[in-house]
Amino acid sequence: MQRNGAVLLGENFVADGHYGRPFRIVTHFHTDHVGEIGNSVRVCLGVIGTPTTIRFLNVLGYRVPEAKALPLDYGRWIEVDGEKLRLERAEHVMGAAQVFVETKDGSSIVYTGDFKTPGKGTPILSGDVLVIEATYGHPNMRRPFKEQVKQEFLDRVNDALALGPVRVFGYHGKLQEAMSMLRKAGVEAPFVVGGKVAEFTRVAMEEGLEPGTVLTEDVPDSFEVIKTGWYVRFSHFNEFRKRTNRHTNFLLSGWEFHTPVKKTDRNSYIVALSDHADFEDLVEYVSASRPNLVVTDGSRSKYAKDLANYIRRNLGIRAVPMPI
């Protein structure tokens, strides 16, 4: 594990950061896992990711030329100089993957990338070494209410739509998850998107997202919908600071650990909808995987040391935070 977030896997692969290895893996499209991708495109022989991730990288401006892109479906093995690699599903955002590497001497390395719902949406992989995310690696970062979040969010949105328009703020991937969630729960109000969110949603729909009708804010149909005051608009997380009282505003954030939905002002709420494993989920993954060594990712979290200490003391498994 390097300070720039690069996870070295065997002799031929590096994941989620740049390093001088023949092949760069991108587990998903979030910024902290795409660092220095331009250097990797120039130096590496190829950039590996799921087909969906490769598409999203290009949509978001991380240009991976076709000649360097190596889309790899879940479960499919590739071999490079005696080392084998495959990607497995991770429930995080569309296209997210875990990485399994078998080295020349037959030892195995698992890198989870970011994930949630271990043993359900995210299969638990077993290897000699487990490199695991530590975003919520502190023992206080538990969400005993996480099964309630979805229903409370849905209830609040329905109540708000009876009074006027709704605006949902979040990061790419989480916004599309919220769209799907609301539609499956029977929310019929039109969805409105704009800018990069619109472009990202269009590709997500081509990749299998089913949010029903989604209107782009600059077309005539959306003008009429907005006049009615009955719609849900989806905007990037960073736009939350520009919110107005015209909408009931919902910010999707993983950094709420006390209640499923928290009111922040007269018209705004924070929803504890996270795409990451909480502390209990991280421990569950390690406990079921039973590796010989756990490496907790300290390049993206200040809680890697807390998680490693807990694993050593309570699970009896050797664990170290990296980089040190």
C-alpha atoms as a PDB file:
ATOM      1  CA  MET A   1       0.000   0.000   0.000  1.00  0.00           C
ATOM      2  CA  GLN A   2       1.436   3.346  -1.089  1.00  0.00           C
ATOM      3  CA  ARG A   3       0.651   6.808   0.273  1.00  0.00           C
ATOM      4  CA  ASN A   4      -1.038   7.753  -3.010  1.00  0.00           C
ATOM      5  CA  GLY A   5      -3.564   4.950  -2.491  1.00  0.00           C
ATOM      6  CA  ALA A   6      -1.910   2.451  -4.845  1.00  0.00           C
ATOM      7  CA  VAL A   7      -2.481  -1.138  -3.711  1.00  0.00           C
ATOM      8  CA  LEU A   8       0.306  -3.426  -4.992  1.00  0.00           C
ATOM      9  CA  LEU A   9      -1.011  -6.870  -5.894  1.00  0.00           C
ATOM     10  CA  GLY A  10       1.623  -9.405  -6.876  1.00  0.00           C
ATOM     11  CA  GLU A  11       4.321  -8.296  -9.291  1.00  0.00           C
ATOM     12  CA  ASN A  12       2.188  -7.252 -12.260  1.00  0.00           C
ATOM     13  CA  PHE A  13      -0.827  -5.422 -10.864  1.00  0.00           C
ATOM     14  CA  VAL A  14      -1.609  -2.243  -8.943  1.00  0.00           C
ATOM     15  CA  ALA A  15      -5.094  -1.087  -7.950  1.00  0.00           C
ATOM     16  CA  ASP A  16      -6.660   2.328  -7.333  1.00  0.00           C
ATOM     17  CA  GLY A  17      -3.496   4.407  -7.592  1.00  0.00           C
ATOM     18  CA  HIS A  18      -0.507   4.811  -9.892  1.00  0.00           C
ATOM     19  CA  TYR A  19       2.654   2.729  -9.549  1.00  0.00           C
ATOM     20  CA  GLY A  20       5.128   1.272 -12.017  1.00  0.00           C
ATOM     21  CA  ARG A  21       3.387  -2.022 -12.683  1.00  0.00           C
ATOM     22  CA  PRO A  22       2.328  -3.357 -16.098  1.00  0.00           C
ATOM     23  CA  PHE A  23      -1.420  -3.218 -15.310  1.00  0.00           C
ATOM     24  CA  ARG A  24      -3.543  -0.716 -13.353  1.00  0.00           C
ATOM     25  CA  ILE A  25      -6.871  -1.829 -11.896  1.00  0.00           C
ATOM     26  CA  VAL A  26      -9.677   0.624 -11.138  1.00  0.00           C
ATOM     27  CA  THR A  27     -12.193  -0.941  -8.753  1.00  0.00           C
ATOM     28  CA  HIS A  28     -14.758   1.830  -9.347  1.00  0.00           C
ATOM     29  CA  PHE A  29     -15.063   5.381 -10.630  1.00  0.00           C
ATOM     30  CA  HIS A  30     -14.946   7.455  -7.421  1.00  0.00           C
ATOM     31  CA  THR A  31     -12.230  10.106  -7.340  1.00  0.00           C
ATOM     32  CA  ASP A  32     -10.168   8.621  -4.506  1.00  0.00           C
ATOM     33  CA  HIS A  33      -9.760   5.406  -6.508  1.00  0.00           C
ATOM     34  CA  VAL A  34      -8.895   7.032  -9.836  1.00  0.00           C
ATOM     35  CA  GLY A  35      -5.865   9.050  -8.743  1.00  0.00           C
ATOM     36  CA  GLU A  36      -3.138   9.638 -11.346  1.00  0.00           C
ATOM     37  CA  ILE A  37      -5.041   7.653 -13.955  1.00  0.00           C
ATOM     38  CA  GLY A  38      -3.379   9.750 -16.662  1.00  0.00           C
ATOM     39  CA  ASN A  39       0.053   8.540 -15.517  1.00  0.00           C
ATOM     40  CA  SER A  40      -1.193   4.954 -15.573  1.00  0.00           C
ATOM     41  CA  VAL A  41      -2.545   5.385 -19.096  1.00  0.00           C
ATOM     42  CA  ARG A  42       0.865   6.621 -20.213  1.00  0.00           C
ATOM     43  CA  VAL A  43       3.034   4.116 -18.331  1.00  0.00           C
ATOM     44  CA  CYS A  44       1.019   0.918 -17.896  1.00  0.00           C
ATOM     45  CA  LEU A  45       0.276  -1.620 -20.599  1.00  0.00           C
ATOM     46  CA  GLY A  46      -3.416  -1.553 -19.742  1.00  0.00           C
ATOM     47  CA  VAL A  47      -6.115  -0.309 -17.371  1.00  0.00           C
ATOM     48  CA  ILE A  48      -8.404  -3.037 -16.010  1.00  0.00           C
ATOM     49  CA  GLY A  49     -11.946  -2.506 -14.743  1.00  0.00           C
ATOM     50  CA  THR A  50     -15.413  -3.866 -15.286  1.00  0.00           C
ATOM     51  CA  PRO A  51     -16.964  -2.770 -18.599  1.00  0.00           C
ATOM     52  CA  THR A  52     -19.330  -0.491 -16.646  1.00  0.00           C
ATOM     53  CA  THR A  53     -16.478   1.155 -14.738  1.00  0.00           C
ATOM     54  CA  ILE A  54     -14.496   1.756 -17.932  1.00  0.00           C
ATOM     55  CA  ARG A  55     -17.530   3.513 -19.447  1.00  0.00           C
ATOM     56  CA  PHE A  56     -18.088   5.682 -16.389  1.00  0.00           C
ATOM     57  CA  LEU A  57     -14.424   6.709 -16.283  1.00  0.00           C
ATOM     58  CA  ASN A  58     -14.768   8.187 -19.727  1.00  0.00           C
ATOM     59  CA  VAL A  59     -18.090   9.880 -18.919  1.00  0.00           C
ATOM     60  CA  LEU A  60     -16.461  11.571 -15.920  1.00  0.00           C
ATOM     61  CA  GLY A  61     -13.508  12.775 -17.969  1.00  0.00           C
ATOM     62  CA  TYR A  62     -10.905  10.177 -16.984  1.00  0.00           C
ATOM     63  CA  ARG A  63      -9.974   9.312 -20.527  1.00  0.00           C
ATOM     64  CA  VAL A  64      -8.847   5.708 -20.979  1.00  0.00           C
ATOM     65  CA  PRO A  65      -8.088   5.131 -24.689  1.00  0.00           C
ATOM     66  CA  GLU A  66      -9.618   2.034 -26.200  1.00  0.00           C
ATOM     67  CA  ALA A  67      -6.134   0.675 -26.888  1.00  0.00           C
ATOM     68  CA  LYS A  68      -5.325   0.785 -23.156  1.00  0.00           C
ATOM     69  CA  ALA A  69      -8.740  -0.205 -21.762  1.00  0.00           C
ATOM     70  CA  LEU A  70      -9.108  -3.824 -20.636  1.00  0.00           C
ATOM     71  CA  PRO A  71     -12.751  -4.358 -19.606  1.00  0.00           C
ATOM     72  CA  LEU A  72     -13.044  -7.513 -17.532  1.00  0.00           C
ATOM     73  CA  ASP A  73     -16.341  -9.173 -16.589  1.00  0.00           C
ATOM     74  CA  TYR A  74     -16.896 -10.479 -13.067  1.00  0.00           C
ATOM     75  CA  GLY A  75     -15.465 -13.963 -12.525  1.00  0.00           C
ATOM     76  CA  ARG A  76     -13.347 -14.033 -15.655  1.00  0.00           C
ATOM     77  CA  TRP A  77      -9.658 -14.870 -15.135  1.00  0.00           C
ATOM     78  CA  ILE A  78      -6.737 -13.254 -16.903  1.00  0.00           C
ATOM     79  CA  GLU A  79      -3.114 -14.384 -16.574  1.00  0.00           C
ATOM     80  CA  VAL A  80       0.013 -12.230 -16.813  1.00  0.00           C
ATOM     81  CA  ASP A  81       3.478 -13.738 -16.488  1.00  0.00           C
ATOM     82  CA  GLY A  82       2.302 -16.578 -14.268  1.00  0.00           C
ATOM     83  CA  GLU A  83      -0.004 -14.442 -12.095  1.00  0.00           C
ATOM     84  CA  LYS A  84      -3.792 -14.746 -12.317  1.00  0.00           C
ATOM     85  CA  LEU A  85      -6.410 -12.097 -11.622  1.00  0.00           C
ATOM     86  CA  ARG A  86     -10.180 -11.921 -11.559  1.00  0.00           C
ATOM     87  CA  LEU A  87     -12.750  -9.315 -10.520  1.00  0.00           C
ATOM     88  CA  GLU A  88     -15.704 -10.116  -8.276  1.00  0.00           C
ATOM     89  CA  ARG A  89     -18.776  -8.069  -7.504  1.00  0.00           C
ATOM     90  CA  ALA A  90     -18.790  -5.428  -4.766  1.00  0.00           C
ATOM     91  CA  GLU A  91     -22.011  -3.694  -3.736  1.00  0.00           C
ATOM     92  CA  HIS A  92     -20.970  -0.056  -3.704  1.00  0.00           C
ATOM     93  CA  VAL A  93     -21.777   1.694  -7.006  1.00  0.00           C
ATOM     94  CA  MET A  94     -22.590   0.288 -10.433  1.00  0.00           C
ATOM     95  CA  GLY A  95     -19.623  -1.646 -11.814  1.00  0.00           C
ATOM     96  CA  ALA A  96     -17.677  -1.753  -8.533  1.00  0.00           C
ATOM     97  CA  ALA A  97     -15.396  -4.749  -8.070  1.00  0.00           C
ATOM     98  CA  GLN A  98     -13.234  -6.645  -5.639  1.00  0.00           C
ATOM     99  CA  VAL A  99      -9.919  -8.038  -6.852  1.00  0.00           C
ATOM    100  CA  PHE A 100      -8.545 -11.571  -6.396  1.00  0.00           C
ATOM    101  CA  VAL A 101      -4.923 -12.254  -7.374  1.00  0.00           C
ATOM    102  CA  GLU A 102      -3.119 -15.586  -7.363  1.00  0.00           C
ATOM    103  CA  THR A 103       0.646 -15.137  -7.397  1.00  0.00           C
ATOM    104  CA  LYS A 104       3.290 -17.320  -9.015  1.00  0.00           C
ATOM    105  CA  ASP A 105       3.942 -19.227  -5.784  1.00  0.00           C
ATOM    106  CA  GLY A 106       0.242 -20.034  -5.366  1.00  0.00           C
ATOM    107  CA  SER A 107      -0.504 -17.555  -2.597  1.00  0.00           C
ATOM    108  CA  SER A 108      -3.623 -15.386  -2.902  1.00  0.00           C
ATOM    109  CA  ILE A 109      -4.457 -11.752  -2.255  1.00  0.00           C
ATOM    110  CA  VAL A 110      -7.941 -10.240  -1.919  1.00  0.00           C
ATOM    111  CA  TYR A 111      -8.541  -6.495  -2.218  1.00  0.00           C
ATOM    112  CA  THR A 112     -12.088  -5.468  -1.356  1.00  0.00           C
ATOM    113  CA  GLY A 113     -12.077  -1.922  -2.718  1.00  0.00           C
ATOM    114  CA  ASP A 114     -15.134  -0.140  -1.304  1.00  0.00           C
ATOM    115  CA  PHE A 115     -18.147  -2.295  -0.439  1.00  0.00           C
ATOM    116  CA  LYS A 116     -21.195  -2.826   1.758  1.00  0.00           C
ATOM    117  CA  THR A 117     -23.545  -5.709   2.706  1.00  0.00           C
ATOM    118  CA  PRO A 118     -20.905  -8.488   3.048  1.00  0.00           C
ATOM    119  CA  GLY A 119     -22.264 -11.944   2.286  1.00  0.00           C
ATOM    120  CA  LYS A 120     -25.284 -10.436   0.506  1.00  0.00           C
ATOM    121  CA  GLY A 121     -24.577  -7.944  -2.273  1.00  0.00           C
ATOM    122  CA  THR A 122     -20.824  -8.359  -1.745  1.00  0.00           C
ATOM    123  CA  PRO A 123     -19.511 -11.942  -1.786  1.00  0.00           C
ATOM    124  CA  ILE A 124     -16.916 -12.617   0.918  1.00  0.00           C
ATOM    125  CA  LEU A 125     -13.665 -13.775  -0.676  1.00  0.00           C
ATOM    126  CA  SER A 126     -10.983 -15.776   1.110  1.00  0.00           C
ATOM    127  CA  GLY A 127      -7.250 -15.448   0.480  1.00  0.00           C
ATOM    128  CA  ASP A 128      -3.941 -15.574   2.300  1.00  0.00           C
ATOM    129  CA  VAL A 129      -3.836 -11.763   2.462  1.00  0.00           C
ATOM    130  CA  LEU A 130      -6.870  -9.501   2.712  1.00  0.00           C
ATOM    131  CA  VAL A 131      -6.567  -5.791   1.899  1.00  0.00           C
ATOM    132  CA  ILE A 132      -9.741  -4.156   3.191  1.00  0.00           C
ATOM    133  CA  GLU A 133     -11.193  -0.643   3.101  1.00  0.00           C
ATOM    134  CA  ALA A 134     -11.419   1.163   6.449  1.00  0.00           C
ATOM    135  CA  THR A 135     -13.663   4.148   5.721  1.00  0.00           C
ATOM    136  CA  TYR A 136     -15.750   3.473   8.827  1.00  0.00           C
ATOM    137  CA  GLY A 137     -13.067   1.539  10.687  1.00  0.00           C
ATOM    138  CA  HIS A 138     -13.662   3.022  14.134  1.00  0.00           C
ATOM    139  CA  PRO A 139     -15.745   0.932  16.591  1.00  0.00           C
ATOM    140  CA  ASN A 140     -18.092   3.901  17.118  1.00  0.00           C
ATOM    141  CA  MET A 141     -19.054   3.919  13.434  1.00  0.00           C
ATOM    142  CA  ARG A 142     -21.970   1.508  13.602  1.00  0.00           C
ATOM    143  CA  ARG A 143     -25.451   1.967  12.176  1.00  0.00           C
ATOM    144  CA  PRO A 144     -27.796  -0.282  14.156  1.00  0.00           C
ATOM    145  CA  PHE A 145     -30.639   1.345  12.225  1.00  0.00           C
ATOM    146  CA  LYS A 146     -29.250   0.732   8.708  1.00  0.00           C
ATOM    147  CA  GLU A 147     -32.147  -1.548   7.765  1.00  0.00           C
ATOM    148  CA  GLN A 148     -34.560   1.313   8.534  1.00  0.00           C
ATOM    149  CA  VAL A 149     -32.880   4.008   6.408  1.00  0.00           C
ATOM    150  CA  LYS A 150     -34.488   3.125   3.096  1.00  0.00           C
ATOM    151  CA  GLN A 151     -38.062   3.063   4.415  1.00  0.00           C
ATOM    152  CA  GLU A 152     -37.714   6.289   6.376  1.00  0.00           C
ATOM    153  CA  PHE A 153     -36.203   8.035   3.352  1.00  0.00           C
ATOM    154  CA  LEU A 154     -39.075   6.835   1.174  1.00  0.00           C
ATOM    155  CA  ASP A 155     -41.665   7.955   3.727  1.00  0.00           C
ATOM    156  CA  ARG A 156     -40.102  11.419   4.017  1.00  0.00           C
ATOM    157  CA  VAL A 157     -39.952  11.862   0.238  1.00  0.00           C
ATOM    158  CA  ASN A 158     -43.591  10.876  -0.177  1.00  0.00           C
ATOM    159  CA  ASP A 159     -44.648  13.268   2.589  1.00  0.00           C
ATOM    160  CA  ALA A 160     -42.598  16.069   1.038  1.00  0.00           C
ATOM    161  CA  LEU A 161     -44.023  15.521  -2.460  1.00  0.00           C
ATOM    162  CA  ALA A 162     -47.495  16.133  -1.068  1.00  0.00           C
ATOM    163  CA  LEU A 163     -46.336  19.659  -0.226  1.00  0.00           C
ATOM    164  CA  GLY A 164     -44.101  20.535  -3.175  1.00  0.00           C
ATOM    165  CA  PRO A 165     -40.975  19.586  -5.149  1.00  0.00           C
ATOM    166  CA  VAL A 166     -38.138  17.494  -3.733  1.00  0.00           C
ATOM    167  CA  ARG A 167     -34.409  17.773  -4.390  1.00  0.00           C
ATOM    168  CA  VAL A 168     -32.003  14.915  -3.644  1.00  0.00           C
ATOM    169  CA  PHE A 169     -28.269  15.571  -3.395  1.00  0.00           C
ATOM    170  CA  GLY A 170     -25.539  12.907  -3.562  1.00  0.00           C
ATOM    171  CA  TYR A 171     -22.507  11.612  -5.369  1.00  0.00           C
ATOM    172  CA  HIS A 172     -22.549   9.877  -8.738  1.00  0.00           C
ATOM    173  CA  GLY A 173     -23.665   6.317  -8.221  1.00  0.00           C
ATOM    174  CA  LYS A 174     -25.527   6.981  -4.996  1.00  0.00           C
ATOM    175  CA  LEU A 175     -27.942   9.307  -6.814  1.00  0.00           C
ATOM    176  CA  GLN A 176     -28.756   6.577  -9.315  1.00  0.00           C
ATOM    177  CA  GLU A 177     -29.223   4.077  -6.485  1.00  0.00           C
ATOM    178  CA  ALA A 178     -31.707   6.492  -4.914  1.00  0.00           C
ATOM    179  CA  MET A 179     -33.576   6.824  -8.226  1.00  0.00           C
ATOM    180  CA  SER A 180     -33.975   3.070  -8.466  1.00  0.00           C
ATOM    181  CA  MET A 181     -34.971   2.812  -4.815  1.00  0.00           C
ATOM    182  CA  LEU A 182     -37.685   5.453  -5.119  1.00  0.00           C
ATOM    183  CA  ARG A 183     -39.157   3.966  -8.296  1.00  0.00           C
ATOM    184  CA  LYS A 184     -39.231   0.426  -6.882  1.00  0.00           C
ATOM    185  CA  ALA A 185     -41.074   1.795  -3.860  1.00  0.00           C
ATOM    186  CA  GLY A 186     -43.766   3.283  -6.104  1.00  0.00           C
ATOM    187  CA  VAL A 187     -42.773   6.962  -6.227  1.00  0.00           C
ATOM    188  CA  GLU A 188     -44.367   8.181  -9.474  1.00  0.00           C
ATOM    189  CA  ALA A 189     -43.282  11.843  -9.526  1.00  0.00           C
ATOM    190  CA  PRO A 190     -41.148  12.757 -12.558  1.00  0.00           C
ATOM    191  CA  PHE A 191     -37.379  12.742 -12.093  1.00  0.00           C
ATOM    192  CA  VAL A 192     -35.397  15.745 -13.327  1.00  0.00           C
ATOM    193  CA  VAL A 193     -31.620  15.850 -13.852  1.00  0.00           C
ATOM    194  CA  GLY A 194     -29.095  18.204 -15.401  1.00  0.00           C
ATOM    195  CA  GLY A 195     -25.416  18.604 -16.264  1.00  0.00           C
ATOM    196  CA  LYS A 196     -23.053  15.759 -15.482  1.00  0.00           C
ATOM    197  CA  VAL A 197     -25.747  14.004 -13.440  1.00  0.00           C
ATOM    198  CA  ALA A 198     -27.854  13.772 -16.603  1.00  0.00           C
ATOM    199  CA  GLU A 199     -24.985  12.386 -18.646  1.00  0.00           C
ATOM    200  CA  PHE A 200     -24.054   9.903 -15.939  1.00  0.00           C
ATOM    201  CA  THR A 201     -27.669   8.776 -15.519  1.00  0.00           C
ATOM    202  CA  ARG A 202     -28.052   8.206 -19.259  1.00  0.00           C
ATOM    203  CA  VAL A 203     -25.067   5.841 -19.286  1.00  0.00           C
ATOM    204  CA  ALA A 204     -26.280   4.155 -16.083  1.00  0.00           C
ATOM    205  CA  MET A 205     -29.589   3.437 -17.801  1.00  0.00           C
ATOM    206  CA  GLU A 206     -27.745   1.940 -20.765  1.00  0.00           C
ATOM    207  CA  GLU A 207     -25.881  -0.227 -18.241  1.00  0.00           C
ATOM    208  CA  GLY A 208     -29.074  -1.554 -16.668  1.00  0.00           C
ATOM    209  CA  LEU A 209     -30.442   1.100 -14.307  1.00  0.00           C
ATOM    210  CA  GLU A 210     -34.251   1.225 -14.439  1.00  0.00           C
ATOM    211  CA  PRO A 211     -35.435   4.538 -12.963  1.00  0.00           C
ATOM    212  CA  GLY A 212     -38.362   4.981 -15.310  1.00  0.00           C
ATOM    213  CA  THR A 213     -38.713   8.298 -17.121  1.00  0.00           C
ATOM    214  CA  VAL A 214     -35.960  10.786 -16.370  1.00  0.00           C
ATOM    215  CA  LEU A 215     -36.212  14.293 -17.850  1.00  0.00           C
ATOM    216  CA  THR A 216     -33.245  16.515 -18.609  1.00  0.00           C
ATOM    217  CA  GLU A 217     -33.798  19.980 -17.125  1.00  0.00           C
ATOM    218  CA  ASP A 218     -33.184  21.876 -20.374  1.00  0.00           C
ATOM    219  CA  VAL A 219     -35.917  20.227 -22.488  1.00  0.00           C
ATOM    220  CA  PRO A 220     -39.492  21.569 -22.887  1.00  0.00           C
ATOM    221  CA  ASP A 221     -41.112  18.593 -21.115  1.00  0.00           C
ATOM    222  CA  SER A 222     -39.120  19.306 -17.970  1.00  0.00           C
ATOM    223  CA  PHE A 223     -40.155  22.979 -18.033  1.00  0.00           C
ATOM    224  CA  GLU A 224     -43.790  21.917 -17.825  1.00  0.00           C
ATOM    225  CA  VAL A 225     -43.075  19.398 -15.075  1.00  0.00           C
ATOM    226  CA  ILE A 226     -41.209  21.981 -12.994  1.00  0.00           C
ATOM    227  CA  LYS A 227     -44.161  24.366 -13.286  1.00  0.00           C
ATOM    228  CA  THR A 228     -46.404  21.754 -11.646  1.00  0.00           C
ATOM    229  CA  GLY A 229     -44.190  21.600  -8.536  1.00  0.00           C
ATOM    230  CA  TRP A 230     -44.505  17.794  -8.405  1.00  0.00           C
ATOM    231  CA  TYR A 231     -41.145  16.281  -9.215  1.00  0.00           C
ATOM    232  CA  VAL A 232     -37.869  15.021  -7.741  1.00  0.00           C
ATOM    233  CA  ARG A 233     -34.691  16.718  -8.919  1.00  0.00           C
ATOM    234  CA  PHE A 234     -31.335  14.989  -8.468  1.00  0.00           C
ATOM    235  CA  SER A 235     -28.185  17.080  -8.013  1.00  0.00           C
ATOM    236  CA  HIS A 236     -24.546  16.485  -7.142  1.00  0.00           C
ATOM    237  CA  PHE A 237     -23.549  16.454  -3.468  1.00  0.00           C
ATOM    238  CA  ASN A 238     -21.540  19.672  -3.840  1.00  0.00           C
ATOM    239  CA  GLU A 239     -24.682  21.612  -4.836  1.00  0.00           C
ATOM    240  CA  PHE A 240     -26.243  21.130  -1.395  1.00  0.00           C
ATOM    241  CA  ARG A 241     -24.728  24.367  -0.128  1.00  0.00           C
ATOM    242  CA  LYS A 242     -26.758  26.209  -2.804  1.00  0.00           C
ATOM    243  CA  ARG A 243     -30.085  24.685  -1.745  1.00  0.00           C
ATOM    244  CA  THR A 244     -33.169  26.852  -1.433  1.00  0.00           C
ATOM    245  CA  ASN A 245     -36.423  26.646   0.477  1.00  0.00           C
ATOM    246  CA  ARG A 246     -38.342  26.069  -2.739  1.00  0.00           C
ATOM    247  CA  HIS A 247     -37.626  22.333  -2.387  1.00  0.00           C
ATOM    248  CA  THR A 248     -37.565  19.855   0.443  1.00  0.00           C
ATOM    249  CA  ASN A 249     -33.900  18.891   0.348  1.00  0.00           C
ATOM    250  CA  PHE A 250     -32.359  15.498   1.113  1.00  0.00           C
ATOM    251  CA  LEU A 251     -28.583  15.044   1.332  1.00  0.00           C
ATOM    252  CA  LEU A 252     -27.444  11.409   1.003  1.00  0.00           C
ATOM    253  CA  SER A 253     -24.456  10.959   3.314  1.00  0.00           C
ATOM    254  CA  GLY A 254     -22.662   8.059   4.962  1.00  0.00           C
ATOM    255  CA  TRP A 255     -21.424  10.200   7.844  1.00  0.00           C
ATOM    256  CA  GLU A 256     -24.556  10.023   9.970  1.00  0.00           C
ATOM    257  CA  PHE A 257     -24.462   7.390  12.734  1.00  0.00           C
ATOM    258  CA  HIS A 258     -27.173   8.513  15.155  1.00  0.00           C
ATOM    259  CA  THR A 259     -30.450   8.452  13.231  1.00  0.00           C
ATOM    260  CA  PRO A 260     -31.707   7.331   9.796  1.00  0.00           C
ATOM    261  CA  VAL A 261     -32.825  10.847   8.827  1.00  0.00           C
ATOM    262  CA  LYS A 262     -31.622  14.015  10.550  1.00  0.00           C
ATOM    263  CA  LYS A 263     -33.250  17.419  10.100  1.00  0.00           C
ATOM    264  CA  THR A 264     -30.694  20.194   9.504  1.00  0.00           C
ATOM    265  CA  ASP A 265     -32.930  23.194   8.801  1.00  0.00           C
ATOM    266  CA  ARG A 266     -36.574  23.961   8.033  1.00  0.00           C
ATOM    267  CA  ASN A 267     -36.541  22.275   4.615  1.00  0.00           C
ATOM    268  CA  SER A 268     -33.436  20.059   4.682  1.00  0.00           C
ATOM    269  CA  TYR A 269     -32.501  16.586   5.907  1.00  0.00           C
ATOM    270  CA  ILE A 270     -29.433  14.360   5.972  1.00  0.00           C
ATOM    271  CA  VAL A 271     -30.187  10.741   5.075  1.00  0.00           C
ATOM    272  CA  ALA A 272     -27.794   8.096   6.440  1.00  0.00           C
ATOM    273  CA  LEU A 273     -27.644   6.259   3.129  1.00  0.00           C
ATOM    274  CA  SER A 274     -24.127   4.893   2.787  1.00  0.00           C
ATOM    275  CA  ASP A 275     -22.371   2.904   0.068  1.00  0.00           C
ATOM    276  CA  HIS A 276     -19.712   1.737   2.542  1.00  0.00           C
ATOM    277  CA  ALA A 277     -19.616  -1.021   5.106  1.00  0.00           C
ATOM    278  CA  ASP A 278     -20.012   0.239   8.659  1.00  0.00           C
ATOM    279  CA  PHE A 279     -17.713  -1.054  11.399  1.00  0.00           C
ATOM    280  CA  GLU A 280     -19.788  -4.177  12.048  1.00  0.00           C
ATOM    281  CA  ASP A 281     -19.801  -5.053   8.338  1.00  0.00           C
ATOM    282  CA  LEU A 282     -16.013  -4.693   8.100  1.00  0.00           C
ATOM    283  CA  VAL A 283     -15.514  -7.020  11.050  1.00  0.00           C
ATOM    284  CA  GLU A 284     -18.037  -9.477   9.600  1.00  0.00           C
ATOM    285  CA  TYR A 285     -16.101  -9.627   6.316  1.00  0.00           C
ATOM    286  CA  VAL A 286     -12.775 -10.274   8.045  1.00  0.00           C
ATOM    287  CA  SER A 287     -14.261 -12.836  10.427  1.00  0.00           C
ATOM    288  CA  ALA A 288     -15.815 -14.835   7.562  1.00  0.00           C
ATOM    289  CA  SER A 289     -12.802 -14.511   5.242  1.00  0.00           C
ATOM    290  CA  ARG A 290     -10.227 -15.668   7.863  1.00  0.00           C
ATOM    291  CA  PRO A 291      -7.041 -14.598   6.035  1.00  0.00           C
ATOM    292  CA  ASN A 292      -3.557 -15.081   7.446  1.00  0.00           C
ATOM    293  CA  LEU A 293      -2.929 -11.337   7.264  1.00  0.00           C
ATOM    294  CA  VAL A 294      -5.200  -8.306   7.038  1.00  0.00           C
ATOM    295  CA  VAL A 295      -3.982  -4.989   5.645  1.00  0.00           C
ATOM    296  CA  THR A 296      -6.311  -2.076   6.446  1.00  0.00           C
ATOM    297  CA  ASP A 297      -6.317   0.770   3.920  1.00  0.00           C
ATOM    298  CA  GLY A 298      -4.904   3.843   5.627  1.00  0.00           C
ATOM    299  CA  SER A 299      -4.460   5.846   2.450  1.00  0.00           C
ATOM    300  CA  ARG A 300      -8.192   6.652   2.309  1.00  0.00           C
ATOM    301  CA  SER A 301      -9.162   6.515   5.973  1.00  0.00           C
ATOM    302  CA  LYS A 302      -7.745   7.761   9.259  1.00  0.00           C
ATOM    303  CA  TYR A 303      -9.372   4.802  11.004  1.00  0.00           C
ATOM    304  CA  ALA A 304      -7.218   2.031   9.508  1.00  0.00           C
ATOM    305  CA  LYS A 305      -5.192   1.706  12.719  1.00  0.00           C
ATOM    306  CA  ASP A 306      -8.347   1.397  14.847  1.00  0.00           C
ATOM    307  CA  LEU A 307      -9.664  -1.364  12.616  1.00  0.00           C
ATOM    308  CA  ALA A 308      -6.354  -3.256  12.579  1.00  0.00           C
ATOM    309  CA  ASN A 309      -6.102  -3.072  16.379  1.00  0.00           C
ATOM    310  CA  TYR A 310      -9.628  -4.431  16.788  1.00  0.00           C
ATOM    311  CA  ILE A 311      -8.992  -7.302  14.373  1.00  0.00           C
ATOM    312  CA  ARG A 312      -5.837  -8.344  16.223  1.00  0.00           C
ATOM    313  CA  ARG A 313      -7.359  -8.142  19.680  1.00  0.00           C
ATOM    314  CA  ASN A 314     -10.807  -9.546  19.021  1.00  0.00           C
ATOM    315  CA  LEU A 315     -10.442 -11.887  16.026  1.00  0.00           C
ATOM    316  CA  GLY A 316      -6.895 -13.105  16.683  1.00  0.00           C
ATOM    317  CA  ILE A 317      -5.831 -12.387  13.109  1.00  0.00           C
ATOM    318  CA  ARG A 318      -2.605 -10.584  12.263  1.00  0.00           C
ATOM    319  CA  ALA A 319      -3.507  -7.126  11.001  1.00  0.00           C
ATOM    320  CA  VAL A 320      -1.532  -4.023  10.028  1.00  0.00           C
ATOM    321  CA  PRO A 321      -2.558  -0.588   8.783  1.00  0.00           C
ATOM    322  CA  MET A 322      -0.782   0.626   5.673  1.00  0.00           C
ATOM    323  CA  PRO A 323       0.841   2.835   4.609  1.00  0.00           C
ATOM    324  CA  ILE A 324       2.604   3.252   7.967  1.00  0.00           C
END
